[in-house]
Amino acid sequence: MAKETVLVVEDEEDIAELVRLHLAREGYHVLCAGSGEDGLRLVQTRSPALVVLDLMLPGIDGLEVCREIRSHPATQRTSILMLTAKGEESDIVVGLQLGADDYVTKPFSPKVLLARVKALLRRKTEGVVDDQTSIALHHIVINPGRREVTVAGKPASLTYTEFGILHLLARRPGWVFTRTQIRDASRGEDSISTDRAVDVQIVSLRRKLGPAGKYIETVRGVGYRFKE
């Protein structure tokens, strides 16, 4: 059975060919573009399921490509995996805020990149858990209707905001959420007003989850994710 179409937008030919080769070996139909302009044209005409997008591109850069993809109804659900150079943490944050789904830093392991591509396409197929569906991951059970959390069968007493953060992260395991996204999603009497307050809430949440708190991972310079 044929797999989805993946577009690689990368101006360095050796990297583009490396990514194309590994994706093709997995059965994906791979398109390549060497500039942001060509990438946008292929997104609009070929409707790929996922875009592997380098941020440093000639002409229109990767952030603008990401913004354009997310701004049009016909392409806004396209999955985006950013390729970034180490040290570009501010660009990673901006990219995630613009709607990119995940990122891989250069130099990267082809196995890691393939795993991220497969995970994003799997989530696209399976869809996102709705707000009222109970979630069970790593011995943690989250019941949104009752606002209850149990860890290995024992109740965890969370504040309104701690519950909201856990539910936000657990609904999309593996997805990176910036501190801004977490802050904006928080509500209640202990709602979060600063990035530092996000970190404090995460520390408290991990402590209340006990050993299961390790599944809330810090993504350096960006934010947090719930381990798949």
C-alpha atoms as a PDB file:
ATOM      1  CA  MET A   1       0.000   0.000   0.000  1.00  0.00           C
ATOM      2  CA  ALA A   2       1.472   3.356  -1.045  1.00  0.00           C
ATOM      3  CA  LYS A   3       2.436   5.717   1.732  1.00  0.00           C
ATOM      4  CA  GLU A   4       1.868   9.447   1.944  1.00  0.00           C
ATOM      5  CA  THR A   5       3.633  12.180   0.001  1.00  0.00           C
ATOM      6  CA  VAL A   6       6.360  14.037   1.903  1.00  0.00           C
ATOM      7  CA  LEU A   7       7.854  17.314   0.668  1.00  0.00           C
ATOM      8  CA  VAL A   8      11.465  18.100   1.614  1.00  0.00           C
ATOM      9  CA  VAL A   9      12.282  21.828   1.455  1.00  0.00           C
ATOM     10  CA  GLU A  10      16.060  22.053   1.839  1.00  0.00           C
ATOM     11  CA  ASP A  11      18.602  24.085  -0.153  1.00  0.00           C
ATOM     12  CA  GLU A  12      21.633  21.928   0.748  1.00  0.00           C
ATOM     13  CA  GLU A  13      21.557  19.208  -1.879  1.00  0.00           C
ATOM     14  CA  ASP A  14      23.442  16.591   0.143  1.00  0.00           C
ATOM     15  CA  ILE A  15      21.054  16.927   3.087  1.00  0.00           C
ATOM     16  CA  ALA A  16      17.998  16.934   0.823  1.00  0.00           C
ATOM     17  CA  GLU A  17      19.237  13.778  -0.912  1.00  0.00           C
ATOM     18  CA  LEU A  18      19.951  12.071   2.425  1.00  0.00           C
ATOM     19  CA  VAL A  19      16.427  12.794   3.660  1.00  0.00           C
ATOM     20  CA  ARG A  20      14.874  11.818   0.317  1.00  0.00           C
ATOM     21  CA  LEU A  21      16.757   8.511   0.239  1.00  0.00           C
ATOM     22  CA  HIS A  22      15.713   7.432   3.733  1.00  0.00           C
ATOM     23  CA  LEU A  23      12.089   8.468   3.231  1.00  0.00           C
ATOM     24  CA  ALA A  24      11.911   6.695  -0.133  1.00  0.00           C
ATOM     25  CA  ARG A  25      13.286   3.513   1.435  1.00  0.00           C
ATOM     26  CA  GLU A  26      10.343   3.600   3.816  1.00  0.00           C
ATOM     27  CA  GLY A  27       7.936   3.767   0.886  1.00  0.00           C
ATOM     28  CA  TYR A  28       7.049   7.456   1.014  1.00  0.00           C
ATOM     29  CA  HIS A  29       6.543   9.432  -2.200  1.00  0.00           C
ATOM     30  CA  VAL A  30       9.125  12.193  -1.840  1.00  0.00           C
ATOM     31  CA  LEU A  31       9.146  15.639  -3.464  1.00  0.00           C
ATOM     32  CA  CYS A  32      12.073  18.048  -3.095  1.00  0.00           C
ATOM     33  CA  ALA A  33      12.342  21.837  -3.297  1.00  0.00           C
ATOM     34  CA  GLY A  34      15.468  23.943  -2.953  1.00  0.00           C
ATOM     35  CA  SER A  35      13.812  27.228  -2.001  1.00  0.00           C
ATOM     36  CA  GLY A  36      10.867  28.535  -0.006  1.00  0.00           C
ATOM     37  CA  GLU A  37       9.119  29.711  -3.153  1.00  0.00           C
ATOM     38  CA  ASP A  38       9.359  26.286  -4.803  1.00  0.00           C
ATOM     39  CA  GLY A  39       8.288  24.646  -1.566  1.00  0.00           C
ATOM     40  CA  LEU A  40       5.129  26.738  -1.325  1.00  0.00           C
ATOM     41  CA  ARG A  41       4.309  26.036  -4.961  1.00  0.00           C
ATOM     42  CA  LEU A  42       4.544  22.274  -4.370  1.00  0.00           C
ATOM     43  CA  VAL A  43       2.506  22.503  -1.167  1.00  0.00           C
ATOM     44  CA  GLN A  44      -0.257  24.239  -3.102  1.00  0.00           C
ATOM     45  CA  THR A  45      -0.160  22.020  -6.207  1.00  0.00           C
ATOM     46  CA  ARG A  46       0.759  18.588  -4.823  1.00  0.00           C
ATOM     47  CA  SER A  47      -0.832  18.680  -1.325  1.00  0.00           C
ATOM     48  CA  PRO A  48       1.801  16.685   0.607  1.00  0.00           C
ATOM     49  CA  ALA A  49       0.783  15.117   3.907  1.00  0.00           C
ATOM     50  CA  LEU A  50       3.944  16.398   5.590  1.00  0.00           C
ATOM     51  CA  VAL A  51       6.652  18.978   4.917  1.00  0.00           C
ATOM     52  CA  VAL A  52      10.218  18.552   6.156  1.00  0.00           C
ATOM     53  CA  LEU A  53      11.151  22.226   6.270  1.00  0.00           C
ATOM     54  CA  ASP A  54      14.601  23.756   6.666  1.00  0.00           C
ATOM     55  CA  LEU A  55      14.428  27.150   8.355  1.00  0.00           C
ATOM     56  CA  MET A  56      17.471  28.658   6.617  1.00  0.00           C
ATOM     57  CA  LEU A  57      16.386  28.958   2.987  1.00  0.00           C
ATOM     58  CA  PRO A  58      17.249  31.372   0.161  1.00  0.00           C
ATOM     59  CA  GLY A  59      14.512  33.857  -0.627  1.00  0.00           C
ATOM     60  CA  ILE A  60      11.491  33.105   1.533  1.00  0.00           C
ATOM     61  CA  ASP A  61      12.799  31.522   4.726  1.00  0.00           C
ATOM     62  CA  GLY A  62      11.317  28.514   6.515  1.00  0.00           C
ATOM     63  CA  LEU A  63       9.414  30.561   9.082  1.00  0.00           C
ATOM     64  CA  GLU A  64       7.598  32.460   6.341  1.00  0.00           C
ATOM     65  CA  VAL A  65       6.860  29.177   4.543  1.00  0.00           C
ATOM     66  CA  CYS A  66       5.400  27.817   7.773  1.00  0.00           C
ATOM     67  CA  ARG A  67       3.296  30.958   8.233  1.00  0.00           C
ATOM     68  CA  GLU A  68       1.972  30.732   4.665  1.00  0.00           C
ATOM     69  CA  ILE A  69       1.079  27.039   4.987  1.00  0.00           C
ATOM     70  CA  ARG A  70      -0.875  27.664   8.177  1.00  0.00           C
ATOM     71  CA  SER A  71      -2.652  30.759   6.823  1.00  0.00           C
ATOM     72  CA  HIS A  72      -4.554  28.998   4.019  1.00  0.00           C
ATOM     73  CA  PRO A  73      -7.510  26.658   4.703  1.00  0.00           C
ATOM     74  CA  ALA A  74      -6.437  24.235   1.959  1.00  0.00           C
ATOM     75  CA  THR A  75      -2.998  23.647   3.515  1.00  0.00           C
ATOM     76  CA  GLN A  76      -3.349  24.528   7.197  1.00  0.00           C
ATOM     77  CA  ARG A  77      -3.654  20.868   8.280  1.00  0.00           C
ATOM     78  CA  THR A  78      -0.399  19.871   6.557  1.00  0.00           C
ATOM     79  CA  SER A  79       2.079  18.470   9.102  1.00  0.00           C
ATOM     80  CA  ILE A  80       5.340  20.428   9.390  1.00  0.00           C
ATOM     81  CA  LEU A  81       8.648  19.061  10.724  1.00  0.00           C
ATOM     82  CA  MET A  82      11.303  21.776  10.987  1.00  0.00           C
ATOM     83  CA  LEU A  83      15.005  21.211  10.372  1.00  0.00           C
ATOM     84  CA  THR A  84      17.078  23.633  12.419  1.00  0.00           C
ATOM     85  CA  ALA A  85      20.742  24.251  13.189  1.00  0.00           C
ATOM     86  CA  LYS A  86      21.861  23.944  16.802  1.00  0.00           C
ATOM     87  CA  GLY A  87      21.636  27.233  18.678  1.00  0.00           C
ATOM     88  CA  GLU A  88      18.563  28.498  16.819  1.00  0.00           C
ATOM     89  CA  GLU A  89      16.316  28.140  19.855  1.00  0.00           C
ATOM     90  CA  SER A  90      14.497  31.419  19.204  1.00  0.00           C
ATOM     91  CA  ASP A  91      13.611  30.270  15.686  1.00  0.00           C
ATOM     92  CA  ILE A  92      12.375  26.937  17.047  1.00  0.00           C
ATOM     93  CA  VAL A  93      10.062  28.755  19.441  1.00  0.00           C
ATOM     94  CA  VAL A  94       8.761  31.036  16.692  1.00  0.00           C
ATOM     95  CA  GLY A  95       8.246  28.070  14.362  1.00  0.00           C
ATOM     96  CA  LEU A  96       6.261  26.144  16.935  1.00  0.00           C
ATOM     97  CA  GLN A  97       4.181  29.218  17.686  1.00  0.00           C
ATOM     98  CA  LEU A  98       3.478  29.613  13.956  1.00  0.00           C
ATOM     99  CA  GLY A  99       2.112  26.080  13.908  1.00  0.00           C
ATOM    100  CA  ALA A 100       5.008  23.727  13.124  1.00  0.00           C
ATOM    101  CA  ASP A 101       4.357  20.341  14.695  1.00  0.00           C
ATOM    102  CA  ASP A 102       7.873  19.273  15.672  1.00  0.00           C
ATOM    103  CA  TYR A 103      11.543  19.858  14.903  1.00  0.00           C
ATOM    104  CA  VAL A 104      14.861  18.046  14.447  1.00  0.00           C
ATOM    105  CA  THR A 105      18.210  19.792  14.914  1.00  0.00           C
ATOM    106  CA  LYS A 106      21.142  19.434  12.535  1.00  0.00           C
ATOM    107  CA  PRO A 107      23.195  17.314  12.437  1.00  0.00           C
ATOM    108  CA  PHE A 108      20.447  14.729  12.836  1.00  0.00           C
ATOM    109  CA  SER A 109      20.128  10.969  12.862  1.00  0.00           C
ATOM    110  CA  PRO A 110      18.108   9.705   9.867  1.00  0.00           C
ATOM    111  CA  LYS A 111      16.488   7.181  12.226  1.00  0.00           C
ATOM    112  CA  VAL A 112      15.318   9.985  14.516  1.00  0.00           C
ATOM    113  CA  LEU A 113      13.974  11.988  11.581  1.00  0.00           C
ATOM    114  CA  LEU A 114      12.085   8.956  10.246  1.00  0.00           C
ATOM    115  CA  ALA A 115      10.629   8.289  13.686  1.00  0.00           C
ATOM    116  CA  ARG A 116       9.387  11.899  13.914  1.00  0.00           C
ATOM    117  CA  VAL A 117       7.889  11.732  10.408  1.00  0.00           C
ATOM    118  CA  LYS A 118       6.086   8.467  11.196  1.00  0.00           C
ATOM    119  CA  ALA A 119       4.795   9.824  14.502  1.00  0.00           C
ATOM    120  CA  LEU A 120       3.424  12.996  12.917  1.00  0.00           C
ATOM    121  CA  LEU A 121       1.700  11.123  10.105  1.00  0.00           C
ATOM    122  CA  ARG A 122       0.291   8.590  12.553  1.00  0.00           C
ATOM    123  CA  ARG A 123      -1.209  11.363  14.666  1.00  0.00           C
ATOM    124  CA  LYS A 124      -2.618  12.960  11.531  1.00  0.00           C
ATOM    125  CA  THR A 125      -4.387   9.683  10.703  1.00  0.00           C
ATOM    126  CA  GLU A 126      -5.543   8.901  14.227  1.00  0.00           C
ATOM    127  CA  GLY A 127      -6.611  12.457  15.051  1.00  0.00           C
ATOM    128  CA  VAL A 128      -6.431  14.221  18.397  1.00  0.00           C
ATOM    129  CA  VAL A 129      -8.218  12.990  21.478  1.00  0.00           C
ATOM    130  CA  ASP A 130     -11.218  15.220  22.196  1.00  0.00           C
ATOM    131  CA  ASP A 131     -11.521  17.278  25.349  1.00  0.00           C
ATOM    132  CA  GLN A 132     -13.712  14.784  27.217  1.00  0.00           C
ATOM    133  CA  THR A 133     -12.023  11.485  26.295  1.00  0.00           C
ATOM    134  CA  SER A 134     -10.205   9.757  29.146  1.00  0.00           C
ATOM    135  CA  ILE A 135      -6.485   9.283  28.546  1.00  0.00           C
ATOM    136  CA  ALA A 136      -4.361   6.406  29.848  1.00  0.00           C
ATOM    137  CA  LEU A 137      -0.582   6.696  29.402  1.00  0.00           C
ATOM    138  CA  HIS A 138       2.321   5.314  31.448  1.00  0.00           C
ATOM    139  CA  HIS A 139       0.089   4.224  34.365  1.00  0.00           C
ATOM    140  CA  ILE A 140      -1.466   7.710  34.419  1.00  0.00           C
ATOM    141  CA  VAL A 141      -5.230   7.931  33.848  1.00  0.00           C
ATOM    142  CA  ILE A 142      -6.749  11.352  33.175  1.00  0.00           C
ATOM    143  CA  ASN A 143     -10.525  11.785  33.394  1.00  0.00           C
ATOM    144  CA  PRO A 144     -11.419  15.268  32.046  1.00  0.00           C
ATOM    145  CA  GLY A 145     -15.134  15.002  32.909  1.00  0.00           C
ATOM    146  CA  ARG A 146     -14.372  14.442  36.583  1.00  0.00           C
ATOM    147  CA  ARG A 147     -11.094  16.362  36.486  1.00  0.00           C
ATOM    148  CA  GLU A 148      -9.473  13.396  38.174  1.00  0.00           C
ATOM    149  CA  VAL A 149      -6.015  11.906  37.746  1.00  0.00           C
ATOM    150  CA  THR A 150      -4.772   8.583  39.055  1.00  0.00           C
ATOM    151  CA  VAL A 151      -1.200   7.301  38.980  1.00  0.00           C
ATOM    152  CA  ALA A 152      -0.830   3.522  39.254  1.00  0.00           C
ATOM    153  CA  GLY A 153      -4.394   3.456  40.597  1.00  0.00           C
ATOM    154  CA  LYS A 154      -3.826   6.099  43.286  1.00  0.00           C
ATOM    155  CA  PRO A 155      -5.431   9.565  43.058  1.00  0.00           C
ATOM    156  CA  ALA A 156      -3.185  12.577  42.441  1.00  0.00           C
ATOM    157  CA  SER A 157      -4.366  15.855  43.919  1.00  0.00           C
ATOM    158  CA  LEU A 158      -3.744  18.502  41.253  1.00  0.00           C
ATOM    159  CA  THR A 159      -4.687  22.148  41.113  1.00  0.00           C
ATOM    160  CA  TYR A 160      -6.926  23.371  38.308  1.00  0.00           C
ATOM    161  CA  THR A 161      -3.953  24.641  36.326  1.00  0.00           C
ATOM    162  CA  GLU A 162      -1.772  21.586  36.968  1.00  0.00           C
ATOM    163  CA  PHE A 163      -4.587  19.395  35.643  1.00  0.00           C
ATOM    164  CA  GLY A 164      -4.928  21.636  32.588  1.00  0.00           C
ATOM    165  CA  ILE A 165      -1.209  21.423  31.805  1.00  0.00           C
ATOM    166  CA  LEU A 166      -1.149  17.639  32.177  1.00  0.00           C
ATOM    167  CA  HIS A 167      -4.224  17.239  29.990  1.00  0.00           C
ATOM    168  CA  LEU A 168      -2.791  19.590  27.351  1.00  0.00           C
ATOM    169  CA  LEU A 169       0.479  17.658  27.125  1.00  0.00           C
ATOM    170  CA  ALA A 170      -1.040  14.173  27.350  1.00  0.00           C
ATOM    171  CA  ARG A 171      -3.568  14.796  24.574  1.00  0.00           C
ATOM    172  CA  ARG A 172      -0.674  15.008  22.128  1.00  0.00           C
ATOM    173  CA  PRO A 173       2.167  12.819  23.423  1.00  0.00           C
ATOM    174  CA  GLY A 174       5.446  13.651  21.750  1.00  0.00           C
ATOM    175  CA  TRP A 175       4.322  17.116  20.626  1.00  0.00           C
ATOM    176  CA  VAL A 176       6.376  20.034  21.887  1.00  0.00           C
ATOM    177  CA  PHE A 177       4.464  22.870  23.570  1.00  0.00           C
ATOM    178  CA  THR A 178       6.154  26.207  24.134  1.00  0.00           C
ATOM    179  CA  ARG A 179       5.862  27.935  27.484  1.00  0.00           C
ATOM    180  CA  THR A 180       3.714  30.571  25.793  1.00  0.00           C
ATOM    181  CA  GLN A 181       1.285  27.928  24.525  1.00  0.00           C
ATOM    182  CA  ILE A 182       1.088  26.371  27.981  1.00  0.00           C
ATOM    183  CA  ARG A 183       0.612  29.781  29.604  1.00  0.00           C
ATOM    184  CA  ASP A 184      -2.130  30.765  27.154  1.00  0.00           C
ATOM    185  CA  ALA A 185      -3.972  27.480  27.767  1.00  0.00           C
ATOM    186  CA  SER A 186      -3.947  27.842  31.552  1.00  0.00           C
ATOM    187  CA  ARG A 187      -7.040  28.930  33.440  1.00  0.00           C
ATOM    188  CA  GLY A 188      -8.255  29.134  37.020  1.00  0.00           C
ATOM    189  CA  GLU A 189      -7.236  30.858  40.229  1.00  0.00           C
ATOM    190  CA  ASP A 190      -3.620  29.719  39.841  1.00  0.00           C
ATOM    191  CA  SER A 191      -3.436  30.617  36.154  1.00  0.00           C
ATOM    192  CA  ILE A 192       0.036  31.267  34.759  1.00  0.00           C
ATOM    193  CA  SER A 193       1.233  34.784  34.021  1.00  0.00           C
ATOM    194  CA  THR A 194       4.947  34.315  33.171  1.00  0.00           C
ATOM    195  CA  ASP A 195       7.248  31.732  31.598  1.00  0.00           C
ATOM    196  CA  ARG A 196       8.940  31.282  34.964  1.00  0.00           C
ATOM    197  CA  ALA A 197       5.558  30.424  36.469  1.00  0.00           C
ATOM    198  CA  VAL A 198       5.168  27.689  33.835  1.00  0.00           C
ATOM    199  CA  ASP A 199       8.397  26.092  35.048  1.00  0.00           C
ATOM    200  CA  VAL A 200       7.218  26.291  38.660  1.00  0.00           C
ATOM    201  CA  GLN A 201       3.917  24.600  37.758  1.00  0.00           C
ATOM    202  CA  ILE A 202       5.774  21.836  35.892  1.00  0.00           C
ATOM    203  CA  VAL A 203       8.016  21.177  38.897  1.00  0.00           C
ATOM    204  CA  SER A 204       4.975  20.910  41.158  1.00  0.00           C
ATOM    205  CA  LEU A 205       3.146  18.677  38.678  1.00  0.00           C
ATOM    206  CA  ARG A 206       6.094  16.305  38.344  1.00  0.00           C
ATOM    207  CA  ARG A 207       6.376  16.050  42.113  1.00  0.00           C
ATOM    208  CA  LYS A 208       2.686  15.173  42.507  1.00  0.00           C
ATOM    209  CA  LEU A 209       2.924  12.517  39.791  1.00  0.00           C
ATOM    210  CA  GLY A 210       5.791  10.819  41.619  1.00  0.00           C
ATOM    211  CA  PRO A 211       7.937   8.502  39.478  1.00  0.00           C
ATOM    212  CA  ALA A 212       5.544   9.106  36.551  1.00  0.00           C
ATOM    213  CA  GLY A 213       6.605  12.761  36.547  1.00  0.00           C
ATOM    214  CA  LYS A 214       9.623  11.758  34.441  1.00  0.00           C
ATOM    215  CA  TYR A 215       7.308  11.418  31.441  1.00  0.00           C
ATOM    216  CA  ILE A 216       6.950  15.197  31.295  1.00  0.00           C
ATOM    217  CA  GLU A 217      10.112  16.043  29.388  1.00  0.00           C
ATOM    218  CA  THR A 218      11.882  19.392  29.183  1.00  0.00           C
ATOM    219  CA  VAL A 219      12.770  20.472  25.649  1.00  0.00           C
ATOM    220  CA  ARG A 220      15.697  22.789  26.234  1.00  0.00           C
ATOM    221  CA  GLY A 221      15.051  26.382  25.224  1.00  0.00           C
ATOM    222  CA  VAL A 222      11.565  25.608  23.953  1.00  0.00           C
ATOM    223  CA  GLY A 223       9.123  24.111  26.441  1.00  0.00           C
ATOM    224  CA  TYR A 224       7.759  20.710  27.399  1.00  0.00           C
ATOM    225  CA  ARG A 225       6.265  17.517  25.981  1.00  0.00           C
ATOM    226  CA  PHE A 226       4.709  14.347  27.313  1.00  0.00           C
ATOM    227  CA  LYS A 227       6.829  11.308  26.432  1.00  0.00           C
ATOM    228  CA  GLU A 228       5.260   8.926  23.914  1.00  0.00           C
END
